[in-house]
């Protein structure tokens, strides 16, 4: 149930805010695929588990992309170097932490 609430919230957020900011919408169908439950060799409960995993993992990837697009729009600055931090892929194109000149140039 919590993931469904998160899904509704992310969908509302994207459809309202992206429209206001002029950001292209992230296409849901590219991220969520539910098809493994159709495999004949799965037991009924395995099919349910496969459908849930397809939805849940696809949705998390979809939501991650929505919020990555938000971050790209509002704050293209990398975080301070920290060996324990796992940098998201979309941060690779961001401006270095503390690089004011680069920030002002993109302003």
C-alpha atoms as a PDB file:
ATOM      1  CA  UNK A   1       0.000   0.000   0.000  1.00  0.00           C
ATOM      2  CA  UNK A   2       2.742   2.580   0.761  1.00  0.00           C
ATOM      3  CA  UNK A   3       4.176   2.192  -2.735  1.00  0.00           C
ATOM      4  CA  UNK A   4       0.767   2.949  -4.261  1.00  0.00           C
ATOM      5  CA  UNK A   5       0.527   6.158  -2.207  1.00  0.00           C
ATOM      6  CA  UNK A   6       4.059   7.079  -3.325  1.00  0.00           C
ATOM      7  CA  UNK A   7       3.076   6.308  -6.922  1.00  0.00           C
ATOM      8  CA  UNK A   8       0.030   8.586  -6.793  1.00  0.00           C
ATOM      9  CA  UNK A   9       2.085  11.335  -5.141  1.00  0.00           C
ATOM     10  CA  UNK A  10       4.918  11.123  -7.708  1.00  0.00           C
ATOM     11  CA  UNK A  11       2.415  11.136 -10.566  1.00  0.00           C
ATOM     12  CA  UNK A  12       0.613  14.209  -9.208  1.00  0.00           C
ATOM     13  CA  UNK A  13       3.928  15.948  -8.530  1.00  0.00           C
ATOM     14  CA  UNK A  14       5.239  15.325 -12.031  1.00  0.00           C
ATOM     15  CA  UNK A  15       2.039  16.278 -13.834  1.00  0.00           C
ATOM     16  CA  UNK A  16       1.580  19.500 -11.889  1.00  0.00           C
ATOM     17  CA  UNK A  17       5.153  20.720 -11.366  1.00  0.00           C
ATOM     18  CA  UNK A  18       6.746  19.636 -14.629  1.00  0.00           C
ATOM     19  CA  UNK A  19       3.973  21.427 -16.492  1.00  0.00           C
ATOM     20  CA  UNK A  20       4.617  24.613 -14.508  1.00  0.00           C
ATOM     21  CA  UNK A  21       8.384  24.424 -15.013  1.00  0.00           C
ATOM     22  CA  UNK A  22       8.289  23.340 -18.656  1.00  0.00           C
ATOM     23  CA  UNK A  23      10.062  20.019 -18.037  1.00  0.00           C
ATOM     24  CA  UNK A  24       9.199  17.112 -20.335  1.00  0.00           C
ATOM     25  CA  UNK A  25       7.201  14.400 -18.579  1.00  0.00           C
ATOM     26  CA  UNK A  26       8.908  11.084 -17.867  1.00  0.00           C
ATOM     27  CA  UNK A  27       7.105   8.323 -19.775  1.00  0.00           C
ATOM     28  CA  UNK A  28       5.785   5.795 -17.274  1.00  0.00           C
ATOM     29  CA  UNK A  29       5.439   2.954 -19.803  1.00  0.00           C
ATOM     30  CA  UNK A  30       9.202   2.995 -20.414  1.00  0.00           C
ATOM     31  CA  UNK A  31       9.876   2.061 -16.788  1.00  0.00           C
ATOM     32  CA  UNK A  32       7.119  -0.264 -15.589  1.00  0.00           C
ATOM     33  CA  UNK A  33       6.727  -3.635 -17.255  1.00  0.00           C
ATOM     34  CA  UNK A  34       4.499  -6.350 -15.826  1.00  0.00           C
ATOM     35  CA  UNK A  35       4.677  -9.466 -17.955  1.00  0.00           C
ATOM     36  CA  UNK A  36       6.433 -12.283 -16.113  1.00  0.00           C
ATOM     37  CA  UNK A  37       3.242 -13.344 -14.326  1.00  0.00           C
ATOM     38  CA  UNK A  38       2.040 -14.749 -17.685  1.00  0.00           C
ATOM     39  CA  UNK A  39       4.679 -17.479 -17.735  1.00  0.00           C
ATOM     40  CA  UNK A  40       2.859 -20.824 -17.625  1.00  0.00           C
ATOM     41  CA  UNK A  41       5.475 -22.545 -15.481  1.00  0.00           C
ATOM     42  CA  UNK A  42       5.022 -20.231 -12.502  1.00  0.00           C
ATOM     43  CA  UNK A  43       2.784 -21.183  -9.607  1.00  0.00           C
ATOM     44  CA  UNK A  44      -0.024 -18.677  -8.976  1.00  0.00           C
ATOM     45  CA  UNK A  45       1.724 -17.082  -5.987  1.00  0.00           C
ATOM     46  CA  UNK A  46       5.001 -16.820  -7.932  1.00  0.00           C
ATOM     47  CA  UNK A  47       3.091 -14.994 -10.662  1.00  0.00           C
ATOM     48  CA  UNK A  48       1.721 -12.546  -8.086  1.00  0.00           C
ATOM     49  CA  UNK A  49       5.236 -11.987  -6.730  1.00  0.00           C
ATOM     50  CA  UNK A  50       6.590 -11.421 -10.255  1.00  0.00           C
ATOM     51  CA  UNK A  51       3.811  -8.923 -11.032  1.00  0.00           C
ATOM     52  CA  UNK A  52       4.490  -7.041  -7.796  1.00  0.00           C
ATOM     53  CA  UNK A  53       8.260  -6.957  -8.396  1.00  0.00           C
ATOM     54  CA  UNK A  54       7.793  -5.757 -11.974  1.00  0.00           C
ATOM     55  CA  UNK A  55       5.556  -2.956 -10.749  1.00  0.00           C
ATOM     56  CA  UNK A  56       7.512  -2.009  -7.606  1.00  0.00           C
ATOM     57  CA  UNK A  57      10.995  -2.015  -9.132  1.00  0.00           C
ATOM     58  CA  UNK A  58       9.786  -0.376 -12.325  1.00  0.00           C
ATOM     59  CA  UNK A  59       7.983   2.314 -10.351  1.00  0.00           C
ATOM     60  CA  UNK A  60      11.034   3.019  -8.164  1.00  0.00           C
ATOM     61  CA  UNK A  61      13.144   3.450 -11.320  1.00  0.00           C
ATOM     62  CA  UNK A  62      10.431   5.710 -12.786  1.00  0.00           C
ATOM     63  CA  UNK A  63      10.216   7.808  -9.602  1.00  0.00           C
ATOM     64  CA  UNK A  64      14.017   8.051  -9.438  1.00  0.00           C
ATOM     65  CA  UNK A  65      13.996   9.462 -12.952  1.00  0.00           C
ATOM     66  CA  UNK A  66      11.284  12.005 -12.094  1.00  0.00           C
ATOM     67  CA  UNK A  67      13.285  13.310  -9.155  1.00  0.00           C
ATOM     68  CA  UNK A  68      16.558  13.212 -11.103  1.00  0.00           C
ATOM     69  CA  UNK A  69      14.942  15.441 -13.733  1.00  0.00           C
ATOM     70  CA  UNK A  70      13.847  17.786 -10.944  1.00  0.00           C
ATOM     71  CA  UNK A  71      17.394  17.919  -9.588  1.00  0.00           C
ATOM     72  CA  UNK A  72      18.819  18.565 -13.069  1.00  0.00           C
ATOM     73  CA  UNK A  73      16.426  21.480 -13.460  1.00  0.00           C
ATOM     74  CA  UNK A  74      16.914  23.114 -10.046  1.00  0.00           C
ATOM     75  CA  UNK A  75      20.372  22.202  -8.794  1.00  0.00           C
ATOM     76  CA  UNK A  76      23.111  20.977 -11.138  1.00  0.00           C
ATOM     77  CA  UNK A  77      25.784  20.997  -8.431  1.00  0.00           C
ATOM     78  CA  UNK A  78      27.570  17.859  -7.261  1.00  0.00           C
ATOM     79  CA  UNK A  79      27.734  17.093  -3.573  1.00  0.00           C
ATOM     80  CA  UNK A  80      30.947  17.571  -1.636  1.00  0.00           C
ATOM     81  CA  UNK A  81      33.377  14.674  -2.142  1.00  0.00           C
ATOM     82  CA  UNK A  82      32.658  11.843   0.255  1.00  0.00           C
ATOM     83  CA  UNK A  83      34.020   8.345  -0.303  1.00  0.00           C
ATOM     84  CA  UNK A  84      30.940   6.847   1.399  1.00  0.00           C
ATOM     85  CA  UNK A  85      28.436   8.599  -0.895  1.00  0.00           C
ATOM     86  CA  UNK A  86      27.167   6.697  -3.923  1.00  0.00           C
ATOM     87  CA  UNK A  87      26.853   9.341  -6.614  1.00  0.00           C
ATOM     88  CA  UNK A  88      23.788   8.956  -8.855  1.00  0.00           C
ATOM     89  CA  UNK A  89      24.544   8.593 -12.562  1.00  0.00           C
ATOM     90  CA  UNK A  90      22.838  11.871 -13.429  1.00  0.00           C
ATOM     91  CA  UNK A  91      25.305  13.772 -11.188  1.00  0.00           C
ATOM     92  CA  UNK A  92      28.209  13.043 -13.528  1.00  0.00           C
ATOM     93  CA  UNK A  93      27.205  16.028 -15.693  1.00  0.00           C
ATOM     94  CA  UNK A  94      26.764  18.366 -12.719  1.00  0.00           C
ATOM     95  CA  UNK A  95      29.020  21.273 -11.790  1.00  0.00           C
ATOM     96  CA  UNK A  96      31.702  20.516  -9.208  1.00  0.00           C
ATOM     97  CA  UNK A  97      31.002  21.346  -5.589  1.00  0.00           C
ATOM     98  CA  UNK A  98      32.322  24.826  -4.837  1.00  0.00           C
ATOM     99  CA  UNK A  99      32.915  25.776  -8.507  1.00  0.00           C
ATOM    100  CA  UNK A 100      31.238  29.179  -8.398  1.00  0.00           C
ATOM    101  CA  UNK A 101      32.600  30.291 -11.786  1.00  0.00           C
ATOM    102  CA  UNK A 102      31.082  27.291 -13.573  1.00  0.00           C
ATOM    103  CA  UNK A 103      27.825  27.842 -11.708  1.00  0.00           C
ATOM    104  CA  UNK A 104      27.640  31.511 -12.737  1.00  0.00           C
ATOM    105  CA  UNK A 105      28.410  30.599 -16.372  1.00  0.00           C
ATOM    106  CA  UNK A 106      25.426  28.233 -16.558  1.00  0.00           C
ATOM    107  CA  UNK A 107      23.188  30.673 -14.646  1.00  0.00           C
END
